[in-house]
Amino acid sequence: MSTFYKPDCRFFKGDIPCRPNKEHGYHCSDCPVYDPITKRILIIKLGAIGDVIRTTPLITRYREIYPGCKITWLTMTPAILPAGKIDEILKFDYASSLYLQHAEFDIAINLDKEKEASALLLTVKATEKYGYVLKDNVSQPVNDLANHKYHTGIFDDVSQSNTMNYCTEIFELCGMEYKGEPYLLDNHADKGFTWPDIDRSKKIIGLNTGCGDRWTTRLWPKDFFAELAIKLLAEGHEVLLLGGEQEDVRNKEIQALSGAKYLGFFPLNQFINLIDQCDLVVTQVTMGMHLTLGMQKKIVLMNNIFNPHEFDLFGKGEIV
């Protein structure tokens, strides 16, 4: 290895100056903060934002087992990941795929059964592989550790009888035991978001009123949300209606029916910060649920179609 630069350092970039050089002018040859990489770990989790969030407990465990490890994460939604906790966050595209196919890792994990993710793990160079790879043109377990999680995804009856929550399943898939590690999520408090219209003298209760286009039987009627909001307001609480652009009309209607406060819809990082203002959130099984848990807020989860064993509320609430 060159004495002029140290590519095994967690700070080293190879194409641009590293942070210690930028901030202090350090050079590799005599750098006082040289931090050698102990393990190179790749996590492939492309899919839905909620699933990406509830995979983040793996970061805490790998940091505990391998101090000094370098974690690379490939996803479709880089903005949702806590940048301060992950060394390298990559958006899934051609450039990232090309890079990963020629990089080398000690541990590589694919938690998605989509063919493109499984094909990538097949081609990645890694000493240990976990999760799913492409075999016979379909995604299949790379080893027996992935069998349970795989079976719950391809057989409805197995999924309905499953008693393991998601985090327990993915830790098992990686050959580890889940110990209740929380979700990791940035609250974006450094972005300068302010909420002057929120009455902080009261308990702040958020009502996350949407559920997305898939499995619409989850959706609680707007009249029910309005009735709940009226009761909560009568008890002296500050009630915020939460949702994205898809819920904008719906939330305006609930606001008109109930008098609850609706501040509008926002970009993802600002929406996360809004949820962080709440003391408790009432939500259906949707992205808002995972954001609420990521902010470690109290939660009432309305679930009418999913196996309740799938969810870990971390002692913060109840499923109804």
C-alpha atoms as a PDB file:
ATOM      1  CA  MET A   1       0.000   0.000   0.000  1.00  0.00           C
ATOM      2  CA  SER A   2       1.280   3.471  -0.822  1.00  0.00           C
ATOM      3  CA  THR A   3       2.753   5.520   2.003  1.00  0.00           C
ATOM      4  CA  PHE A   4       1.297   8.647   0.377  1.00  0.00           C
ATOM      5  CA  TYR A   5      -2.341   7.607   0.590  1.00  0.00           C
ATOM      6  CA  LYS A   6      -4.263   5.000   2.576  1.00  0.00           C
ATOM      7  CA  PRO A   7      -7.261   3.532   0.719  1.00  0.00           C
ATOM      8  CA  ASP A   8      -8.085   1.335   3.723  1.00  0.00           C
ATOM      9  CA  CYS A   9      -9.091   4.406   5.775  1.00  0.00           C
ATOM     10  CA  ARG A  10     -12.803   5.012   6.378  1.00  0.00           C
ATOM     11  CA  PHE A  11     -12.343   8.674   5.421  1.00  0.00           C
ATOM     12  CA  PHE A  12     -10.495   8.068   2.146  1.00  0.00           C
ATOM     13  CA  LYS A  13     -12.516   8.894  -1.002  1.00  0.00           C
ATOM     14  CA  GLY A  14     -10.129   8.263  -3.869  1.00  0.00           C
ATOM     15  CA  ASP A  15     -11.680  10.879  -6.157  1.00  0.00           C
ATOM     16  CA  ILE A  16     -12.053  13.950  -3.927  1.00  0.00           C
ATOM     17  CA  PRO A  17     -10.369  15.218  -0.732  1.00  0.00           C
ATOM     18  CA  CYS A  18     -11.509  13.483   2.454  1.00  0.00           C
ATOM     19  CA  ARG A  19     -13.115  15.335   5.353  1.00  0.00           C
ATOM     20  CA  PRO A  20      -9.946  15.437   7.541  1.00  0.00           C
ATOM     21  CA  ASN A  21      -8.062  16.991   4.627  1.00  0.00           C
ATOM     22  CA  LYS A  22     -10.839  19.488   3.950  1.00  0.00           C
ATOM     23  CA  GLU A  23     -11.234  20.496   7.584  1.00  0.00           C
ATOM     24  CA  HIS A  24      -7.669  20.243   8.906  1.00  0.00           C
ATOM     25  CA  GLY A  25      -5.340  19.869   5.931  1.00  0.00           C
ATOM     26  CA  TYR A  26      -4.207  16.393   7.016  1.00  0.00           C
ATOM     27  CA  HIS A  27      -2.374  14.123   4.579  1.00  0.00           C
ATOM     28  CA  CYS A  28      -2.499  10.325   4.709  1.00  0.00           C
ATOM     29  CA  SER A  29       1.210   9.840   5.449  1.00  0.00           C
ATOM     30  CA  ASP A  30       1.003  11.357   8.931  1.00  0.00           C
ATOM     31  CA  CYS A  31      -2.756  11.717   9.519  1.00  0.00           C
ATOM     32  CA  PRO A  32      -3.624  11.690  13.254  1.00  0.00           C
ATOM     33  CA  VAL A  33      -7.209  10.535  12.583  1.00  0.00           C
ATOM     34  CA  TYR A  34      -6.376   7.625  10.269  1.00  0.00           C
ATOM     35  CA  ASP A  35      -9.193   5.091  10.779  1.00  0.00           C
ATOM     36  CA  PRO A  36      -8.483   1.708   9.156  1.00  0.00           C
ATOM     37  CA  ILE A  37     -11.497  -0.224   7.878  1.00  0.00           C
ATOM     38  CA  THR A  38     -12.038  -3.477   9.778  1.00  0.00           C
ATOM     39  CA  LYS A  39     -14.902  -4.843   7.652  1.00  0.00           C
ATOM     40  CA  ARG A  40     -16.521  -3.746   4.413  1.00  0.00           C
ATOM     41  CA  ILE A  41     -20.273  -4.351   4.562  1.00  0.00           C
ATOM     42  CA  LEU A  42     -22.794  -3.895   1.743  1.00  0.00           C
ATOM     43  CA  ILE A  43     -26.538  -3.692   2.407  1.00  0.00           C
ATOM     44  CA  ILE A  44     -28.890  -3.848  -0.576  1.00  0.00           C
ATOM     45  CA  LYS A  45     -32.362  -2.657   0.360  1.00  0.00           C
ATOM     46  CA  LEU A  46     -33.957  -0.897  -2.560  1.00  0.00           C
ATOM     47  CA  GLY A  47     -37.676  -0.946  -1.962  1.00  0.00           C
ATOM     48  CA  ALA A  48     -40.392   0.951  -0.146  1.00  0.00           C
ATOM     49  CA  ILE A  49     -39.335   3.758   2.185  1.00  0.00           C
ATOM     50  CA  GLY A  50     -40.928   2.056   5.185  1.00  0.00           C
ATOM     51  CA  ASP A  51     -39.019  -1.161   4.565  1.00  0.00           C
ATOM     52  CA  VAL A  52     -35.770   0.773   4.192  1.00  0.00           C
ATOM     53  CA  ILE A  53     -36.385   2.474   7.548  1.00  0.00           C
ATOM     54  CA  ARG A  54     -37.107  -0.753   9.390  1.00  0.00           C
ATOM     55  CA  THR A  55     -33.920  -2.313   8.074  1.00  0.00           C
ATOM     56  CA  THR A  56     -31.727   0.354   9.727  1.00  0.00           C
ATOM     57  CA  PRO A  57     -31.395  -1.536  13.062  1.00  0.00           C
ATOM     58  CA  LEU A  58     -28.789  -3.666  11.265  1.00  0.00           C
ATOM     59  CA  ILE A  59     -26.465  -0.649  11.291  1.00  0.00           C
ATOM     60  CA  THR A  60     -26.345  -0.543  15.081  1.00  0.00           C
ATOM     61  CA  ARG A  61     -25.567  -4.250  15.375  1.00  0.00           C
ATOM     62  CA  TYR A  62     -22.835  -4.269  12.745  1.00  0.00           C
ATOM     63  CA  ARG A  63     -21.196  -1.232  14.350  1.00  0.00           C
ATOM     64  CA  GLU A  64     -21.261  -3.115  17.648  1.00  0.00           C
ATOM     65  CA  ILE A  65     -19.810  -6.349  16.237  1.00  0.00           C
ATOM     66  CA  TYR A  66     -17.278  -4.712  13.925  1.00  0.00           C
ATOM     67  CA  PRO A  67     -16.056  -1.364  15.282  1.00  0.00           C
ATOM     68  CA  GLY A  68     -14.416   0.480  12.427  1.00  0.00           C
ATOM     69  CA  CYS A  69     -16.491  -1.218   9.730  1.00  0.00           C
ATOM     70  CA  LYS A  70     -17.414   0.659   6.569  1.00  0.00           C
ATOM     71  CA  ILE A  71     -21.089   0.316   5.657  1.00  0.00           C
ATOM     72  CA  THR A  72     -22.267   0.864   2.086  1.00  0.00           C
ATOM     73  CA  TRP A  73     -26.033   0.976   1.455  1.00  0.00           C
ATOM     74  CA  LEU A  74     -27.724   0.739  -1.944  1.00  0.00           C
ATOM     75  CA  THR A  75     -31.309   2.014  -2.161  1.00  0.00           C
ATOM     76  CA  MET A  76     -33.869   3.747  -4.358  1.00  0.00           C
ATOM     77  CA  THR A  77     -34.415   6.414  -1.662  1.00  0.00           C
ATOM     78  CA  PRO A  78     -31.065   7.686  -0.319  1.00  0.00           C
ATOM     79  CA  ALA A  79     -32.669  10.697   1.392  1.00  0.00           C
ATOM     80  CA  ILE A  80     -34.411   8.531   3.993  1.00  0.00           C
ATOM     81  CA  LEU A  81     -31.188   7.034   5.361  1.00  0.00           C
ATOM     82  CA  PRO A  82     -29.265   8.655   8.261  1.00  0.00           C
ATOM     83  CA  ALA A  83     -26.177  10.012   6.509  1.00  0.00           C
ATOM     84  CA  GLY A  84     -24.266  10.334   9.771  1.00  0.00           C
ATOM     85  CA  LYS A  85     -24.616   6.608  10.490  1.00  0.00           C
ATOM     86  CA  ILE A  86     -23.690   5.161   7.073  1.00  0.00           C
ATOM     87  CA  ASP A  87     -20.342   5.631   5.363  1.00  0.00           C
ATOM     88  CA  GLU A  88     -21.532   5.366   1.762  1.00  0.00           C
ATOM     89  CA  ILE A  89     -25.121   5.773   0.538  1.00  0.00           C
ATOM     90  CA  LEU A  90     -25.746   4.934  -3.113  1.00  0.00           C
ATOM     91  CA  LYS A  91     -28.833   5.425  -5.256  1.00  0.00           C
ATOM     92  CA  PHE A  92     -29.666   2.369  -7.332  1.00  0.00           C
ATOM     93  CA  ASP A  93     -28.697   3.197 -10.906  1.00  0.00           C
ATOM     94  CA  TYR A  94     -26.347   1.977 -13.616  1.00  0.00           C
ATOM     95  CA  ALA A  95     -23.296   3.772 -12.231  1.00  0.00           C
ATOM     96  CA  SER A  96     -23.748   2.380  -8.713  1.00  0.00           C
ATOM     97  CA  SER A  97     -24.420  -1.132 -10.025  1.00  0.00           C
ATOM     98  CA  LEU A  98     -21.271  -1.020 -12.166  1.00  0.00           C
ATOM     99  CA  TYR A  99     -19.207   0.137  -9.205  1.00  0.00           C
ATOM    100  CA  LEU A 100     -20.560  -2.531  -6.847  1.00  0.00           C
ATOM    101  CA  GLN A 101     -20.005  -5.332  -9.352  1.00  0.00           C
ATOM    102  CA  HIS A 102     -16.287  -4.535  -9.267  1.00  0.00           C
ATOM    103  CA  ALA A 103     -15.924  -3.640  -5.582  1.00  0.00           C
ATOM    104  CA  GLU A 104     -15.035  -6.162  -2.859  1.00  0.00           C
ATOM    105  CA  PHE A 105     -16.765  -6.684   0.473  1.00  0.00           C
ATOM    106  CA  ASP A 106     -16.392  -8.888   3.511  1.00  0.00           C
ATOM    107  CA  ILE A 107     -20.165  -9.105   3.988  1.00  0.00           C
ATOM    108  CA  ALA A 108     -22.885  -8.442   1.394  1.00  0.00           C
ATOM    109  CA  ILE A 109     -26.607  -8.596   2.187  1.00  0.00           C
ATOM    110  CA  ASN A 110     -29.582  -8.372  -0.149  1.00  0.00           C
ATOM    111  CA  LEU A 111     -32.946  -8.080   1.581  1.00  0.00           C
ATOM    112  CA  ASP A 112     -35.045  -7.600  -1.571  1.00  0.00           C
ATOM    113  CA  LYS A 113     -36.550 -10.388  -3.664  1.00  0.00           C
ATOM    114  CA  GLU A 114     -36.738  -8.193  -6.760  1.00  0.00           C
ATOM    115  CA  LYS A 115     -34.743  -9.776  -9.568  1.00  0.00           C
ATOM    116  CA  GLU A 116     -32.469  -6.785 -10.106  1.00  0.00           C
ATOM    117  CA  ALA A 117     -31.389  -6.782  -6.458  1.00  0.00           C
ATOM    118  CA  SER A 118     -30.834 -10.544  -6.432  1.00  0.00           C
ATOM    119  CA  ALA A 119     -28.888 -10.370  -9.691  1.00  0.00           C
ATOM    120  CA  LEU A 120     -26.617  -7.743  -8.196  1.00  0.00           C
ATOM    121  CA  LEU A 121     -25.815  -9.802  -5.100  1.00  0.00           C
ATOM    122  CA  LEU A 122     -24.988 -12.715  -7.387  1.00  0.00           C
ATOM    123  CA  THR A 123     -22.290 -10.661  -9.112  1.00  0.00           C
ATOM    124  CA  VAL A 124     -20.921  -8.792  -6.080  1.00  0.00           C
ATOM    125  CA  LYS A 125     -17.599 -10.061  -4.728  1.00  0.00           C
ATOM    126  CA  ALA A 126     -18.008 -10.844  -1.032  1.00  0.00           C
ATOM    127  CA  THR A 127     -16.577 -13.339   1.455  1.00  0.00           C
ATOM    128  CA  GLU A 128     -19.997 -13.800   3.088  1.00  0.00           C
ATOM    129  CA  LYS A 129     -23.362 -13.329   1.385  1.00  0.00           C
ATOM    130  CA  TYR A 130     -26.798 -13.214   3.010  1.00  0.00           C
ATOM    131  CA  GLY A 131     -30.333 -12.852   1.704  1.00  0.00           C
ATOM    132  CA  TYR A 132     -31.381 -13.544  -1.860  1.00  0.00           C
ATOM    133  CA  VAL A 133     -29.565 -14.163  -5.142  1.00  0.00           C
ATOM    134  CA  LEU A 134     -30.719 -14.915  -8.652  1.00  0.00           C
ATOM    135  CA  LYS A 135     -30.957 -18.657  -9.405  1.00  0.00           C
ATOM    136  CA  ASP A 136     -32.857 -20.170 -12.331  1.00  0.00           C
ATOM    137  CA  ASN A 137     -33.910 -16.631 -13.288  1.00  0.00           C
ATOM    138  CA  VAL A 138     -35.766 -16.023 -10.004  1.00  0.00           C
ATOM    139  CA  SER A 139     -34.799 -14.793  -6.548  1.00  0.00           C
ATOM    140  CA  GLN A 140     -33.931 -17.573  -4.115  1.00  0.00           C
ATOM    141  CA  PRO A 141     -32.270 -17.803  -0.673  1.00  0.00           C
ATOM    142  CA  VAL A 142     -28.495 -17.677  -0.793  1.00  0.00           C
ATOM    143  CA  ASN A 143     -28.410 -20.062   2.207  1.00  0.00           C
ATOM    144  CA  ASP A 144     -30.705 -21.675   4.778  1.00  0.00           C
ATOM    145  CA  LEU A 145     -30.694 -18.576   7.002  1.00  0.00           C
ATOM    146  CA  ALA A 146     -32.946 -16.823   4.482  1.00  0.00           C
ATOM    147  CA  ASN A 147     -35.482 -19.646   4.190  1.00  0.00           C
ATOM    148  CA  HIS A 148     -37.966 -18.407   6.807  1.00  0.00           C
ATOM    149  CA  LYS A 149     -38.179 -14.857   5.489  1.00  0.00           C
ATOM    150  CA  TYR A 150     -38.331 -16.156   1.925  1.00  0.00           C
ATOM    151  CA  HIS A 151     -41.216 -18.519   2.664  1.00  0.00           C
ATOM    152  CA  THR A 152     -43.295 -15.813   4.374  1.00  0.00           C
ATOM    153  CA  GLY A 153     -42.982 -13.784   1.183  1.00  0.00           C
ATOM    154  CA  ILE A 154     -44.075 -16.453  -1.291  1.00  0.00           C
ATOM    155  CA  PHE A 155     -46.782 -18.340   0.666  1.00  0.00           C
ATOM    156  CA  ASP A 156     -49.744 -16.384   2.067  1.00  0.00           C
ATOM    157  CA  ASP A 157     -50.628 -19.046   4.634  1.00  0.00           C
ATOM    158  CA  VAL A 158     -47.063 -19.077   5.986  1.00  0.00           C
ATOM    159  CA  SER A 159     -47.129 -15.283   6.211  1.00  0.00           C
ATOM    160  CA  GLN A 160     -50.423 -15.284   8.127  1.00  0.00           C
ATOM    161  CA  SER A 161     -49.183 -17.864  10.642  1.00  0.00           C
ATOM    162  CA  ASN A 162     -45.814 -16.170  11.151  1.00  0.00           C
ATOM    163  CA  THR A 163     -45.087 -15.000  14.723  1.00  0.00           C
ATOM    164  CA  MET A 164     -41.783 -13.212  14.077  1.00  0.00           C
ATOM    165  CA  ASN A 165     -41.583  -9.463  13.533  1.00  0.00           C
ATOM    166  CA  TYR A 166     -39.735  -8.035  10.543  1.00  0.00           C
ATOM    167  CA  CYS A 167     -36.570  -7.075  12.403  1.00  0.00           C
ATOM    168  CA  THR A 168     -36.284 -10.513  14.004  1.00  0.00           C
ATOM    169  CA  GLU A 169     -36.608 -12.059  10.546  1.00  0.00           C
ATOM    170  CA  ILE A 170     -33.934  -9.958   8.868  1.00  0.00           C
ATOM    171  CA  PHE A 171     -31.504 -10.388  11.757  1.00  0.00           C
ATOM    172  CA  GLU A 172     -32.016 -14.153  11.515  1.00  0.00           C
ATOM    173  CA  LEU A 173     -31.425 -13.916   7.762  1.00  0.00           C
ATOM    174  CA  CYS A 174     -28.053 -12.303   8.551  1.00  0.00           C
ATOM    175  CA  GLY A 175     -27.146 -14.959  11.123  1.00  0.00           C
ATOM    176  CA  MET A 176     -27.784 -12.753  14.162  1.00  0.00           C
ATOM    177  CA  GLU A 177     -30.306 -12.441  16.993  1.00  0.00           C
ATOM    178  CA  TYR A 178     -32.426  -9.297  17.148  1.00  0.00           C
ATOM    179  CA  LYS A 179     -32.120  -7.505  20.498  1.00  0.00           C
ATOM    180  CA  GLY A 180     -34.545  -4.641  20.010  1.00  0.00           C
ATOM    181  CA  GLU A 181     -32.246  -2.221  18.201  1.00  0.00           C
ATOM    182  CA  PRO A 182     -34.334   0.844  17.200  1.00  0.00           C
ATOM    183  CA  TYR A 183     -34.859   2.363  13.785  1.00  0.00           C
ATOM    184  CA  LEU A 184     -32.289   5.000  12.825  1.00  0.00           C
ATOM    185  CA  LEU A 185     -33.746   8.116  11.243  1.00  0.00           C
ATOM    186  CA  ASP A 186     -32.605  11.741  11.018  1.00  0.00           C
ATOM    187  CA  ASN A 187     -35.131  14.249  12.390  1.00  0.00           C
ATOM    188  CA  HIS A 188     -33.631  17.009  10.191  1.00  0.00           C
ATOM    189  CA  ALA A 189     -33.573  19.454  13.088  1.00  0.00           C
ATOM    190  CA  ASP A 190     -30.570  21.132  11.462  1.00  0.00           C
ATOM    191  CA  LYS A 191     -32.588  22.170   8.398  1.00  0.00           C
ATOM    192  CA  GLY A 192     -34.151  25.209  10.058  1.00  0.00           C
ATOM    193  CA  PHE A 193     -37.763  24.029   9.889  1.00  0.00           C
ATOM    194  CA  THR A 194     -40.095  26.000  12.158  1.00  0.00           C
ATOM    195  CA  TRP A 195     -43.718  25.364  13.076  1.00  0.00           C
ATOM    196  CA  PRO A 196     -45.104  28.590  14.566  1.00  0.00           C
ATOM    197  CA  ASP A 197     -48.727  27.504  14.093  1.00  0.00           C
ATOM    198  CA  ILE A 198     -48.413  24.555  16.478  1.00  0.00           C
ATOM    199  CA  ASP A 199     -49.685  25.165  20.014  1.00  0.00           C
ATOM    200  CA  ARG A 200     -46.956  23.618  22.171  1.00  0.00           C
ATOM    201  CA  SER A 201     -48.814  24.258  25.407  1.00  0.00           C
ATOM    202  CA  LYS A 202     -50.942  21.202  24.579  1.00  0.00           C
ATOM    203  CA  LYS A 203     -50.229  17.553  23.872  1.00  0.00           C
ATOM    204  CA  ILE A 204     -49.700  17.283  20.127  1.00  0.00           C
ATOM    205  CA  ILE A 205     -51.468  14.365  18.460  1.00  0.00           C
ATOM    206  CA  GLY A 206     -50.920  13.643  14.789  1.00  0.00           C
ATOM    207  CA  LEU A 207     -53.511  11.851  12.680  1.00  0.00           C
ATOM    208  CA  ASN A 208     -51.846  10.284   9.650  1.00  0.00           C
ATOM    209  CA  THR A 209     -54.885   9.878   7.444  1.00  0.00           C
ATOM    210  CA  GLY A 210     -53.651   8.090   4.299  1.00  0.00           C
ATOM    211  CA  CYS A 211     -52.411   4.644   3.357  1.00  0.00           C
ATOM    212  CA  GLY A 212     -51.240   4.771  -0.268  1.00  0.00           C
ATOM    213  CA  ASP A 213     -52.756   3.116  -3.323  1.00  0.00           C
ATOM    214  CA  ARG A 214     -51.938  -0.482  -2.404  1.00  0.00           C
ATOM    215  CA  TRP A 215     -54.204  -2.409  -0.019  1.00  0.00           C
ATOM    216  CA  THR A 216     -56.742   0.411   0.184  1.00  0.00           C
ATOM    217  CA  THR A 217     -58.892  -1.617   2.581  1.00  0.00           C
ATOM    218  CA  ARG A 218     -56.526  -0.203   5.221  1.00  0.00           C
ATOM    219  CA  LEU A 219     -58.010   3.269   4.751  1.00  0.00           C
ATOM    220  CA  TRP A 220     -60.076   4.554   7.674  1.00  0.00           C
ATOM    221  CA  PRO A 221     -63.059   6.677   6.509  1.00  0.00           C
ATOM    222  CA  LYS A 222     -62.562  10.434   6.699  1.00  0.00           C
ATOM    223  CA  ASP A 223     -65.721  10.803   8.799  1.00  0.00           C
ATOM    224  CA  PHE A 224     -64.150   8.536  11.425  1.00  0.00           C
ATOM    225  CA  PHE A 225     -60.982  10.637  11.472  1.00  0.00           C
ATOM    226  CA  ALA A 226     -63.102  13.774  11.832  1.00  0.00           C
ATOM    227  CA  GLU A 227     -65.021  12.251  14.740  1.00  0.00           C
ATOM    228  CA  LEU A 228     -61.774  11.236  16.457  1.00  0.00           C
ATOM    229  CA  ALA A 229     -60.311  14.700  15.929  1.00  0.00           C
ATOM    230  CA  ILE A 230     -63.383  16.359  17.460  1.00  0.00           C
ATOM    231  CA  LYS A 231     -63.089  14.170  20.572  1.00  0.00           C
ATOM    232  CA  LEU A 232     -59.371  14.857  20.939  1.00  0.00           C
ATOM    233  CA  LEU A 233     -59.903  18.599  20.539  1.00  0.00           C
ATOM    234  CA  ALA A 234     -62.615  18.482  23.196  1.00  0.00           C
ATOM    235  CA  GLU A 235     -60.092  16.880  25.555  1.00  0.00           C
ATOM    236  CA  GLY A 236     -57.775  19.848  25.050  1.00  0.00           C
ATOM    237  CA  HIS A 237     -55.219  18.379  22.647  1.00  0.00           C
ATOM    238  CA  GLU A 238     -53.573  19.973  19.628  1.00  0.00           C
ATOM    239  CA  VAL A 239     -54.579  17.812  16.649  1.00  0.00           C
ATOM    240  CA  LEU A 240     -52.499  17.835  13.457  1.00  0.00           C
ATOM    241  CA  LEU A 241     -53.614  16.183  10.232  1.00  0.00           C
ATOM    242  CA  LEU A 242     -50.677  14.467   8.519  1.00  0.00           C
ATOM    243  CA  GLY A 243     -50.209  13.196   4.990  1.00  0.00           C
ATOM    244  CA  GLY A 244     -48.644  13.757   1.604  1.00  0.00           C
ATOM    245  CA  GLU A 245     -49.920  15.330  -1.583  1.00  0.00           C
ATOM    246  CA  GLN A 246     -52.225  12.357  -2.137  1.00  0.00           C
ATOM    247  CA  GLU A 247     -54.014  13.153   1.143  1.00  0.00           C
ATOM    248  CA  ASP A 248     -54.251  16.924   0.591  1.00  0.00           C
ATOM    249  CA  VAL A 249     -57.920  17.058  -0.435  1.00  0.00           C
ATOM    250  CA  ARG A 250     -58.853  14.437   2.148  1.00  0.00           C
ATOM    251  CA  ASN A 251     -57.128  16.342   4.953  1.00  0.00           C
ATOM    252  CA  LYS A 252     -58.767  19.621   3.953  1.00  0.00           C
ATOM    253  CA  GLU A 253     -62.147  17.885   4.143  1.00  0.00           C
ATOM    254  CA  ILE A 254     -61.354  16.426   7.575  1.00  0.00           C
ATOM    255  CA  GLN A 255     -60.184  19.855   8.716  1.00  0.00           C
ATOM    256  CA  ALA A 256     -63.479  21.386   7.593  1.00  0.00           C
ATOM    257  CA  LEU A 257     -65.470  18.685   9.382  1.00  0.00           C
ATOM    258  CA  SER A 258     -63.529  18.739  12.647  1.00  0.00           C
ATOM    259  CA  GLY A 259     -61.549  21.938  13.134  1.00  0.00           C
ATOM    260  CA  ALA A 260     -58.299  19.979  13.392  1.00  0.00           C
ATOM    261  CA  LYS A 261     -55.159  21.762  12.215  1.00  0.00           C
ATOM    262  CA  TYR A 262     -53.796  21.003   8.745  1.00  0.00           C
ATOM    263  CA  LEU A 263     -50.513  22.672   7.811  1.00  0.00           C
ATOM    264  CA  GLY A 264     -50.245  21.193   4.309  1.00  0.00           C
ATOM    265  CA  PHE A 265     -48.010  18.589   2.696  1.00  0.00           C
ATOM    266  CA  PHE A 266     -44.226  18.846   2.609  1.00  0.00           C
ATOM    267  CA  PRO A 267     -41.037  17.323   1.192  1.00  0.00           C
ATOM    268  CA  LEU A 268     -39.999  14.137   2.967  1.00  0.00           C
ATOM    269  CA  ASN A 269     -37.369  15.605   5.291  1.00  0.00           C
ATOM    270  CA  GLN A 270     -39.739  18.371   6.401  1.00  0.00           C
ATOM    271  CA  PHE A 271     -42.562  15.866   6.894  1.00  0.00           C
ATOM    272  CA  ILE A 272     -40.295  13.799   9.136  1.00  0.00           C
ATOM    273  CA  ASN A 273     -39.533  16.912  11.158  1.00  0.00           C
ATOM    274  CA  LEU A 274     -43.273  17.616  11.475  1.00  0.00           C
ATOM    275  CA  ILE A 275     -43.868  14.124  12.841  1.00  0.00           C
ATOM    276  CA  ASP A 276     -41.061  14.791  15.323  1.00  0.00           C
ATOM    277  CA  GLN A 277     -43.162  17.641  16.755  1.00  0.00           C
ATOM    278  CA  CYS A 278     -45.902  15.196  17.792  1.00  0.00           C
ATOM    279  CA  ASP A 279     -46.237  13.473  21.143  1.00  0.00           C
ATOM    280  CA  LEU A 280     -48.354  10.675  19.668  1.00  0.00           C
ATOM    281  CA  VAL A 281     -49.368   9.655  16.154  1.00  0.00           C
ATOM    282  CA  VAL A 282     -52.437   7.665  15.100  1.00  0.00           C
ATOM    283  CA  THR A 283     -51.678   5.926  11.833  1.00  0.00           C
ATOM    284  CA  GLN A 284     -52.511   3.058   9.564  1.00  0.00           C
ATOM    285  CA  VAL A 285     -49.859   0.634   8.302  1.00  0.00           C
ATOM    286  CA  THR A 286     -48.012   2.967   5.973  1.00  0.00           C
ATOM    287  CA  MET A 287     -44.803   4.966   5.638  1.00  0.00           C
ATOM    288  CA  GLY A 288     -46.022   7.313   8.367  1.00  0.00           C
ATOM    289  CA  MET A 289     -45.987   4.412  10.813  1.00  0.00           C
ATOM    290  CA  HIS A 290     -42.297   3.756  10.171  1.00  0.00           C
ATOM    291  CA  LEU A 291     -41.455   7.463  10.357  1.00  0.00           C
ATOM    292  CA  THR A 292     -43.260   7.695  13.696  1.00  0.00           C
ATOM    293  CA  LEU A 293     -41.330   4.739  15.088  1.00  0.00           C
ATOM    294  CA  GLY A 294     -38.118   6.151  13.650  1.00  0.00           C
ATOM    295  CA  MET A 295     -38.753   9.335  15.628  1.00  0.00           C
ATOM    296  CA  GLN A 296     -39.450   7.154  18.702  1.00  0.00           C
ATOM    297  CA  LYS A 297     -42.882   8.676  19.187  1.00  0.00           C
ATOM    298  CA  LYS A 298     -45.855   7.096  20.896  1.00  0.00           C
ATOM    299  CA  ILE A 299     -48.109   5.403  18.385  1.00  0.00           C
ATOM    300  CA  VAL A 300     -51.587   3.965  17.910  1.00  0.00           C
ATOM    301  CA  LEU A 301     -51.412   1.627  14.929  1.00  0.00           C
ATOM    302  CA  MET A 302     -54.630   0.768  13.118  1.00  0.00           C
ATOM    303  CA  ASN A 303     -54.158  -2.605  11.446  1.00  0.00           C
ATOM    304  CA  ASN A 304     -56.976  -4.554   9.845  1.00  0.00           C
ATOM    305  CA  ILE A 305     -55.276  -6.709   7.181  1.00  0.00           C
ATOM    306  CA  PHE A 306     -51.683  -7.547   8.154  1.00  0.00           C
ATOM    307  CA  ASN A 307     -50.349 -10.154  10.550  1.00  0.00           C
ATOM    308  CA  PRO A 308     -49.895  -8.123  13.776  1.00  0.00           C
ATOM    309  CA  HIS A 309     -46.793 -10.135  14.704  1.00  0.00           C
ATOM    310  CA  GLU A 310     -44.985  -8.390  11.844  1.00  0.00           C
ATOM    311  CA  PHE A 311     -44.732  -5.108  13.741  1.00  0.00           C
ATOM    312  CA  ASP A 312     -42.454  -4.118  16.607  1.00  0.00           C
ATOM    313  CA  LEU A 313     -43.676  -0.923  18.255  1.00  0.00           C
ATOM    314  CA  PHE A 314     -40.682  -0.838  20.634  1.00  0.00           C
ATOM    315  CA  GLY A 315     -42.971  -0.473  23.641  1.00  0.00           C
ATOM    316  CA  LYS A 316     -44.251   2.867  22.311  1.00  0.00           C
ATOM    317  CA  GLY A 317     -47.895   2.034  21.660  1.00  0.00           C
ATOM    318  CA  GLU A 318     -50.660  -0.352  20.756  1.00  0.00           C
ATOM    319  CA  ILE A 319     -52.143  -2.054  17.711  1.00  0.00           C
ATOM    320  CA  VAL A 320     -55.915  -1.678  17.349  1.00  0.00           C
END
